[in-house]
Amino acid sequence: MDQEFLQAFVEVVREQMAQRNSVRIEGVGSFRVEHRKQFQKQYDNGRVVMMPPKDTISFTPEKQLQS
């Protein structure tokens, strides 16, 4: 593939993710933004830390059609 095409493709996907839209690529899968709530994490030494909320990107591969 052409380098310009790949750069443009990545930019479009990045813009859509920034706007919290999901992106489906036929034959590959879907990307979507998920919000993770704040939670407590306890380490083995007993220390407890509050983890901040954050947005993450999840990917779901497209199921393969079986012949």
PDB file of N, CA and C in Angstrom:
ATOM      1  N   MET A   1       0.836  -1.180   0.000  1.00  0.00           N
ATOM      2  CA  MET A   1       0.000   0.000   0.000  1.00  0.00           C
ATOM      3  C   MET A   1       0.880   1.243   0.000  1.00  0.00           C
ATOM      4  N   ASP A   2       0.328   2.273  -0.505  1.00  0.00           N
ATOM      5  CA  ASP A   2       1.020   3.551  -0.584  1.00  0.00           C
ATOM      6  C   ASP A   2       1.129   4.179   0.806  1.00  0.00           C
ATOM      7  N   GLN A   3       2.272   4.754   1.120  1.00  0.00           N
ATOM      8  CA  GLN A   3       2.517   5.368   2.432  1.00  0.00           C
ATOM      9  C   GLN A   3       1.539   6.513   2.715  1.00  0.00           C
ATOM     10  N   GLU A   4       1.210   7.309   1.698  1.00  0.00           N
ATOM     11  CA  GLU A   4       0.257   8.416   1.883  1.00  0.00           C
ATOM     12  C   GLU A   4      -1.114   7.889   2.271  1.00  0.00           C
ATOM     13  N   PHE A   5      -1.534   6.800   1.618  1.00  0.00           N
ATOM     14  CA  PHE A   5      -2.834   6.207   1.932  1.00  0.00           C
ATOM     15  C   PHE A   5      -2.866   5.746   3.386  1.00  0.00           C
ATOM     16  N   LEU A   6      -1.820   5.046   3.824  1.00  0.00           N
ATOM     17  CA  LEU A   6      -1.785   4.553   5.194  1.00  0.00           C
ATOM     18  C   LEU A   6      -1.812   5.696   6.204  1.00  0.00           C
ATOM     19  N   GLN A   7      -1.078   6.758   5.942  1.00  0.00           N
ATOM     20  CA  GLN A   7      -1.085   7.907   6.847  1.00  0.00           C
ATOM     21  C   GLN A   7      -2.466   8.543   6.909  1.00  0.00           C
ATOM     22  N   ALA A   8      -3.124   8.676   5.756  1.00  0.00           N
ATOM     23  CA  ALA A   8      -4.467   9.252   5.718  1.00  0.00           C
ATOM     24  C   ALA A   8      -5.463   8.350   6.453  1.00  0.00           C
ATOM     25  N   PHE A   9      -5.338   7.047   6.265  1.00  0.00           N
ATOM     26  CA  PHE A   9      -6.211   6.080   6.922  1.00  0.00           C
ATOM     27  C   PHE A   9      -6.073   6.183   8.439  1.00  0.00           C
ATOM     28  N   VAL A  10      -4.849   6.191   8.924  1.00  0.00           N
ATOM     29  CA  VAL A  10      -4.597   6.286  10.369  1.00  0.00           C
ATOM     30  C   VAL A  10      -5.156   7.596  10.913  1.00  0.00           C
ATOM     31  N   GLU A  11      -5.011   8.668  10.186  1.00  0.00           N
ATOM     32  CA  GLU A  11      -5.518   9.972  10.635  1.00  0.00           C
ATOM     33  C   GLU A  11      -7.043   9.957  10.755  1.00  0.00           C
ATOM     34  N   VAL A  12      -7.727   9.352   9.791  1.00  0.00           N
ATOM     35  CA  VAL A  12      -9.192   9.276   9.834  1.00  0.00           C
ATOM     36  C   VAL A  12      -9.635   8.439  11.038  1.00  0.00           C
ATOM     37  N   VAL A  13      -9.003   7.302  11.254  1.00  0.00           N
ATOM     38  CA  VAL A  13      -9.354   6.455  12.402  1.00  0.00           C
ATOM     39  C   VAL A  13      -9.087   7.207  13.697  1.00  0.00           C
ATOM     40  N   ARG A  14      -7.966   7.889  13.798  1.00  0.00           N
ATOM     41  CA  ARG A  14      -7.617   8.648  15.004  1.00  0.00           C
ATOM     42  C   ARG A  14      -8.660   9.742  15.271  1.00  0.00           C
ATOM     43  N   GLU A  15      -9.079  10.454  14.244  1.00  0.00           N
ATOM     44  CA  GLU A  15     -10.083  11.512  14.408  1.00  0.00           C
ATOM     45  C   GLU A  15     -11.406  10.938  14.903  1.00  0.00           C
ATOM     46  N   GLN A  16     -11.814   9.809  14.336  1.00  0.00           N
ATOM     47  CA  GLN A  16     -13.071   9.193  14.749  1.00  0.00           C
ATOM     48  C   GLN A  16     -13.006   8.710  16.198  1.00  0.00           C
ATOM     49  N   MET A  17     -11.869   8.160  16.586  1.00  0.00           N
ATOM     50  CA  MET A  17     -11.701   7.716  17.977  1.00  0.00           C
ATOM     51  C   MET A  17     -11.737   8.911  18.929  1.00  0.00           C
ATOM     52  N   ALA A  18     -11.135  10.030  18.527  1.00  0.00           N
ATOM     53  CA  ALA A  18     -11.139  11.237  19.358  1.00  0.00           C
ATOM     54  C   ALA A  18     -12.560  11.766  19.553  1.00  0.00           C
ATOM     55  N   GLN A  19     -13.426  11.540  18.574  1.00  0.00           N
ATOM     56  CA  GLN A  19     -14.822  11.968  18.662  1.00  0.00           C
ATOM     57  C   GLN A  19     -15.706  10.902  19.309  1.00  0.00           C
ATOM     58  N   ARG A  20     -15.064   9.833  19.815  1.00  0.00           N
ATOM     59  CA  ARG A  20     -15.745   8.725  20.504  1.00  0.00           C
ATOM     60  C   ARG A  20     -16.668   7.938  19.591  1.00  0.00           C
ATOM     61  N   ASN A  21     -16.360   7.900  18.302  1.00  0.00           N
ATOM     62  CA  ASN A  21     -17.113   7.097  17.344  1.00  0.00           C
ATOM     63  C   ASN A  21     -16.431   5.744  17.182  1.00  0.00           C
ATOM     64  N   SER A  22     -17.210   4.709  16.909  1.00  0.00           N
ATOM     65  CA  SER A  22     -16.603   3.407  16.630  1.00  0.00           C
ATOM     66  C   SER A  22     -16.235   3.353  15.146  1.00  0.00           C
ATOM     67  N   VAL A  23     -15.253   2.519  14.835  1.00  0.00           N
ATOM     68  CA  VAL A  23     -14.783   2.384  13.458  1.00  0.00           C
ATOM     69  C   VAL A  23     -14.795   0.903  13.115  1.00  0.00           C
ATOM     70  N   ARG A  24     -15.509   0.538  12.056  1.00  0.00           N
ATOM     71  CA  ARG A  24     -15.577  -0.854  11.602  1.00  0.00           C
ATOM     72  C   ARG A  24     -14.839  -0.962  10.282  1.00  0.00           C
ATOM     73  N   ILE A  25     -13.924  -1.912  10.223  1.00  0.00           N
ATOM     74  CA  ILE A  25     -13.184  -2.165   8.996  1.00  0.00           C
ATOM     75  C   ILE A  25     -13.605  -3.545   8.516  1.00  0.00           C
ATOM     76  N   GLU A  26     -14.320  -3.579   7.406  1.00  0.00           N
ATOM     77  CA  GLU A  26     -14.855  -4.833   6.892  1.00  0.00           C
ATOM     78  C   GLU A  26     -13.736  -5.833   6.634  1.00  0.00           C
ATOM     79  N   GLY A  27     -13.941  -7.037   7.138  1.00  0.00           N
ATOM     80  CA  GLY A  27     -12.956  -8.091   6.964  1.00  0.00           C
ATOM     81  C   GLY A  27     -11.882  -8.103   8.034  1.00  0.00           C
ATOM     82  N   VAL A  28     -11.844  -7.059   8.878  1.00  0.00           N
ATOM     83  CA  VAL A  28     -10.821  -6.969   9.918  1.00  0.00           C
ATOM     84  C   VAL A  28     -11.475  -6.979  11.304  1.00  0.00           C
ATOM     85  N   GLY A  29     -12.294  -5.982  11.592  1.00  0.00           N
ATOM     86  CA  GLY A  29     -12.954  -5.889  12.890  1.00  0.00           C
ATOM     87  C   GLY A  29     -13.366  -4.472  13.219  1.00  0.00           C
ATOM     88  N   SER A  30     -13.670  -4.245  14.502  1.00  0.00           N
ATOM     89  CA  SER A  30     -14.156  -2.942  14.947  1.00  0.00           C
ATOM     90  C   SER A  30     -13.319  -2.397  16.095  1.00  0.00           C
ATOM     91  N   PHE A  31     -13.118  -1.085  16.067  1.00  0.00           N
ATOM     92  CA  PHE A  31     -12.466  -0.358  17.142  1.00  0.00           C
ATOM     93  C   PHE A  31     -13.525   0.507  17.804  1.00  0.00           C
ATOM     94  N   ARG A  32     -13.485   0.593  19.141  1.00  0.00           N
ATOM     95  CA  ARG A  32     -14.418   1.484  19.833  1.00  0.00           C
ATOM     96  C   ARG A  32     -13.770   1.995  21.109  1.00  0.00           C
ATOM     97  N   VAL A  33     -14.244   3.144  21.563  1.00  0.00           N
ATOM     98  CA  VAL A  33     -13.737   3.760  22.783  1.00  0.00           C
ATOM     99  C   VAL A  33     -14.588   3.273  23.950  1.00  0.00           C
ATOM    100  N   GLU A  34     -13.929   2.804  25.002  1.00  0.00           N
ATOM    101  CA  GLU A  34     -14.620   2.374  26.217  1.00  0.00           C
ATOM    102  C   GLU A  34     -14.131   3.226  27.380  1.00  0.00           C
ATOM    103  N   HIS A  35     -15.059   3.630  28.237  1.00  0.00           N
ATOM    104  CA  HIS A  35     -14.697   4.407  29.418  1.00  0.00           C
ATOM    105  C   HIS A  35     -14.526   3.454  30.587  1.00  0.00           C
ATOM    106  N   ARG A  36     -13.404   3.559  31.262  1.00  0.00           N
ATOM    107  CA  ARG A  36     -13.130   2.747  32.454  1.00  0.00           C
ATOM    108  C   ARG A  36     -13.300   3.644  33.673  1.00  0.00           C
ATOM    109  N   LYS A  37     -14.093   3.195  34.632  1.00  0.00           N
ATOM    110  CA  LYS A  37     -14.347   3.969  35.837  1.00  0.00           C
ATOM    111  C   LYS A  37     -13.153   3.922  36.781  1.00  0.00           C
ATOM    112  N   GLN A  38     -13.143   4.855  37.709  1.00  0.00           N
ATOM    113  CA  GLN A  38     -12.127   4.891  38.764  1.00  0.00           C
ATOM    114  C   GLN A  38     -12.269   3.631  39.619  1.00  0.00           C
ATOM    115  N   PHE A  39     -11.142   3.071  40.072  1.00  0.00           N
ATOM    116  CA  PHE A  39     -11.198   1.893  40.932  1.00  0.00           C
ATOM    117  C   PHE A  39     -10.003   1.875  41.880  1.00  0.00           C
ATOM    118  N   GLN A  40     -10.117   1.056  42.915  1.00  0.00           N
ATOM    119  CA  GLN A  40      -9.042   0.896  43.889  1.00  0.00           C
ATOM    120  C   GLN A  40      -8.202  -0.319  43.499  1.00  0.00           C
ATOM    121  N   LYS A  41      -6.894  -0.161  43.611  1.00  0.00           N
ATOM    122  CA  LYS A  41      -5.985  -1.268  43.352  1.00  0.00           C
ATOM    123  C   LYS A  41      -5.176  -1.498  44.619  1.00  0.00           C
ATOM    124  N   GLN A  42      -5.153  -2.759  45.083  1.00  0.00           N
ATOM    125  CA  GLN A  42      -4.396  -3.073  46.291  1.00  0.00           C
ATOM    126  C   GLN A  42      -3.192  -3.926  45.910  1.00  0.00           C
ATOM    127  N   TYR A  43      -2.023  -3.464  46.310  1.00  0.00           N
ATOM    128  CA  TYR A  43      -0.784  -4.172  46.025  1.00  0.00           C
ATOM    129  C   TYR A  43      -0.522  -5.237  47.098  1.00  0.00           C
ATOM    130  N   ASP A  44       0.401  -6.146  46.816  1.00  0.00           N
ATOM    131  CA  ASP A  44       0.731  -7.234  47.744  1.00  0.00           C
ATOM    132  C   ASP A  44       1.211  -6.729  49.099  1.00  0.00           C
ATOM    133  N   ASN A  45       1.826  -5.555  49.122  1.00  0.00           N
ATOM    134  CA  ASN A  45       2.337  -5.021  50.390  1.00  0.00           C
ATOM    135  C   ASN A  45       1.244  -4.311  51.203  1.00  0.00           C
ATOM    136  N   GLY A  46      -0.009  -4.337  50.716  1.00  0.00           N
ATOM    137  CA  GLY A  46      -1.129  -3.739  51.442  1.00  0.00           C
ATOM    138  C   GLY A  46      -1.444  -2.319  51.030  1.00  0.00           C
ATOM    139  N   ARG A  47      -0.605  -1.714  50.242  1.00  0.00           N
ATOM    140  CA  ARG A  47      -0.819  -0.336  49.797  1.00  0.00           C
ATOM    141  C   ARG A  47      -2.027  -0.284  48.848  1.00  0.00           C
ATOM    142  N   VAL A  48      -2.913   0.682  49.064  1.00  0.00           N
ATOM    143  CA  VAL A  48      -4.102   0.859  48.238  1.00  0.00           C
ATOM    144  C   VAL A  48      -3.964   2.160  47.463  1.00  0.00           C
ATOM    145  N   VAL A  49      -4.201   2.100  46.174  1.00  0.00           N
ATOM    146  CA  VAL A  49      -4.072   3.265  45.307  1.00  0.00           C
ATOM    147  C   VAL A  49      -5.361   3.405  44.497  1.00  0.00           C
ATOM    148  N   MET A  50      -5.836   4.642  44.372  1.00  0.00           N
ATOM    149  CA  MET A  50      -6.999   4.914  43.519  1.00  0.00           C
ATOM    150  C   MET A  50      -6.502   5.112  42.090  1.00  0.00           C
ATOM    151  N   MET A  51      -6.988   4.308  41.186  1.00  0.00           N
ATOM    152  CA  MET A  51      -6.636   4.429  39.779  1.00  0.00           C
ATOM    153  C   MET A  51      -7.647   5.369  39.123  1.00  0.00           C
ATOM    154  N   PRO A  52      -7.194   6.355  38.376  1.00  0.00           N
ATOM    155  CA  PRO A  52      -8.115   7.339  37.795  1.00  0.00           C
ATOM    156  C   PRO A  52      -8.949   6.747  36.655  1.00  0.00           C
ATOM    157  N   PRO A  53     -10.090   7.367  36.371  1.00  0.00           N
ATOM    158  CA  PRO A  53     -10.869   6.915  35.226  1.00  0.00           C
ATOM    159  C   PRO A  53     -10.106   7.228  33.941  1.00  0.00           C
ATOM    160  N   LYS A  54     -10.360   6.426  32.907  1.00  0.00           N
ATOM    161  CA  LYS A  54      -9.687   6.671  31.638  1.00  0.00           C
ATOM    162  C   LYS A  54     -10.488   6.069  30.493  1.00  0.00           C
ATOM    163  N   ASP A  55     -10.222   6.563  29.301  1.00  0.00           N
ATOM    164  CA  ASP A  55     -10.804   6.010  28.092  1.00  0.00           C
ATOM    165  C   ASP A  55      -9.768   5.104  27.437  1.00  0.00           C
ATOM    166  N   THR A  56     -10.219   3.946  26.987  1.00  0.00           N
ATOM    167  CA  THR A  56      -9.336   3.016  26.292  1.00  0.00           C
ATOM    168  C   THR A  56      -9.970   2.629  24.968  1.00  0.00           C
ATOM    169  N   ILE A  57      -9.155   2.141  24.060  1.00  0.00           N
ATOM    170  CA  ILE A  57      -9.653   1.671  22.762  1.00  0.00           C
ATOM    171  C   ILE A  57      -9.664   0.156  22.784  1.00  0.00           C
ATOM    172  N   SER A  58     -10.812  -0.420  22.445  1.00  0.00           N
ATOM    173  CA  SER A  58     -10.893  -1.871  22.376  1.00  0.00           C
ATOM    174  C   SER A  58     -11.094  -2.287  20.920  1.00  0.00           C
ATOM    175  N   PHE A  59     -10.595  -3.458  20.606  1.00  0.00           N
ATOM    176  CA  PHE A  59     -10.697  -3.998  19.259  1.00  0.00           C
ATOM    177  C   PHE A  59     -11.398  -5.348  19.333  1.00  0.00           C
ATOM    178  N   THR A  60     -12.401  -5.530  18.455  1.00  0.00           N
ATOM    179  CA  THR A  60     -13.100  -6.794  18.342  1.00  0.00           C
ATOM    180  C   THR A  60     -12.889  -7.317  16.928  1.00  0.00           C
ATOM    181  N   PRO A  61     -12.172  -8.441  16.780  1.00  0.00           N
ATOM    182  CA  PRO A  61     -11.941  -8.961  15.433  1.00  0.00           C
ATOM    183  C   PRO A  61     -13.243  -9.464  14.815  1.00  0.00           C
ATOM    184  N   GLU A  62     -13.320  -9.388  13.511  1.00  0.00           N
ATOM    185  CA  GLU A  62     -14.487  -9.864  12.795  1.00  0.00           C
ATOM    186  C   GLU A  62     -14.439 -11.376  12.748  1.00  0.00           C
ATOM    187  N   LYS A  63     -15.574 -11.999  12.944  1.00  0.00           N
ATOM    188  CA  LYS A  63     -15.627 -13.467  12.911  1.00  0.00           C
ATOM    189  C   LYS A  63     -15.395 -13.945  11.477  1.00  0.00           C
ATOM    190  N   GLN A  64     -14.615 -14.995  11.362  1.00  0.00           N
ATOM    191  CA  GLN A  64     -14.327 -15.582  10.049  1.00  0.00           C
ATOM    192  C   GLN A  64     -15.527 -16.413   9.593  1.00  0.00           C
ATOM    193  N   LEU A  65     -15.886 -16.273   8.343  1.00  0.00           N
ATOM    194  CA  LEU A  65     -16.957 -17.098   7.779  1.00  0.00           C
ATOM    195  C   LEU A  65     -16.376 -18.445   7.403  1.00  0.00           C
ATOM    196  N   GLN A  66     -17.042 -19.502   7.845  1.00  0.00           N
ATOM    197  CA  GLN A  66     -16.560 -20.840   7.526  1.00  0.00           C
ATOM    198  C   GLN A  66     -17.326 -21.368   6.324  1.00  0.00           C
ATOM    199  N   SER A  67     -16.627 -21.975   5.400  1.00  0.00           N
ATOM    200  CA  SER A  67     -17.266 -22.516   4.195  1.00  0.00           C
ATOM    201  C   SER A  67     -17.750 -23.911   4.430  1.00  0.00           C
TER     202      SER A  67
END
